[in-house]
């Protein structure tokens, strides 16, 4: 991990707002970092660091600490791929992924009530500890939530009153003295500036935001439970400003809640001198495309959404890859056989069932598991190596052999018999959906008018359609498939023909 340095430069426009004293400003360079903690468990925690080209403050954005509040975690997810001109972001889109999958507040109790003290036996303990470490690295914390009703400082109705949370920016006090930064931090003033800016952009006055001071440390506060929260820990232990952002659960459209969250985050970034390239708010319905599934540790097969995968009783299957129109928040549940999240876990199949794929708590596709006998496709493992130094890398080539899909890693050999029918179907790349790629089967011409070196989608008859002089051995028994990225060969696969 690249170590962050510090300087005593002042953040533009922030000093006067915070009382004139200077804050430490972290030096940054333009790169992204993705860390995965507790990988391949139900409590997997993904942390994304975005560093701006210029030094600036570091903002920690936490979403999904309570699993039934999608406005928060969907909004946080938009910031993972943001580019920054100035400042830094640490983004934890799904702090409580296990609870998100079940769409409950907390599988092991409320995670946002464990920052004061957590039992050594609590399964959330390691996540809490990691979040505390991230808070210690940050200059400001935003904890994203969906809350009940609509907060208003005066009683207006059952749904709109001081006891509600929705459409409010919550802080634990109005101002506090920070020994860390040697200044008084006026969190109320910051929050009210954000509310004013955001409300100017919200046409519906019933959806306007209000500042909500919980006065958490006061003896007579009605919110004593907040003393156990992430924001209170950040303020009292790390001495940084911290805010809870609450959009209303009574706003029915998730897109509207995400839009409001994003508006508030952007306004806070502006207050703290973090200069972004704003994320696009696009929330298409999640749809599974296909899975890579290994049976008994054999090479993976490709099964598409709605397909049926045949296995034998007692077979062990492992879902190695999920291809969907989203990359994050994906999980796999082998119903009645596995656990909450069976992604990349070896699971023994004891009955016919379904592989259910979710994006967060929404089902986006499934594959049926039935007992039967599948066709074995032979191959020789490749090195998995490919050329580096270009803007895209290839993880798999999906090929159909007589209608059955197989997934090859770079350098792998696919063995077939002469006369078998092949189709080069798809590429799985990093980043997902990389453009500028061509797949060229050396010795085959797909486009008879113009040989454009793009052979995906054509049916290749290995007895009639290949030109032996272009084979590796010039004898027509071994052919190469090359992947080109803007004309540069970045990966190779091989087809070996017998008979």
Foldseek 3Di string as FASTA:
>chain_A
DDDKDWDQDAFPPQCVQFPNFTFIWIFFQADKDWDWDPPPDLQIWIKIKGTAHGIFFEEEQEFALFQQFVLRLLLLVLCRPWYFNYYMYITTSHLNLNCLQVNGGHPQPHSQLPLVHDDPPRPSVVSSVVVVVVLLVGQEYEYEGAWFADEDPDDDDPRYYPVTDAQEKEAQAQWDQFPNRRTIGGLVSLRVQLQVVLCVVDPDNSNGYYYRHQVQPDPPGPPVSNCSGPQVCSCPPNVHHYIYHYHYPVPPDSLVSSVSVLSSVVSSCVNRNIGIDRGDSDDDDKAWAWWFKDKQPDATFIDGFPEEDADAQFIKMATADTDIPDDPQKFKDFPPWDDSGRHRNTTGDHAWTKIFMDRRNHTRGIYTYDYDDDDDWDKAAAPLDWDDDDDKAFAWWWKAWQRTIGTHHFGIEGEDAQFIKMARADTQMVVGPDPQKAKAWFFAACPPVDRPRHRHPDIDRLNPGGQLCRAPVSRSFKTKIFMARNRHTIGIYMYGYDD
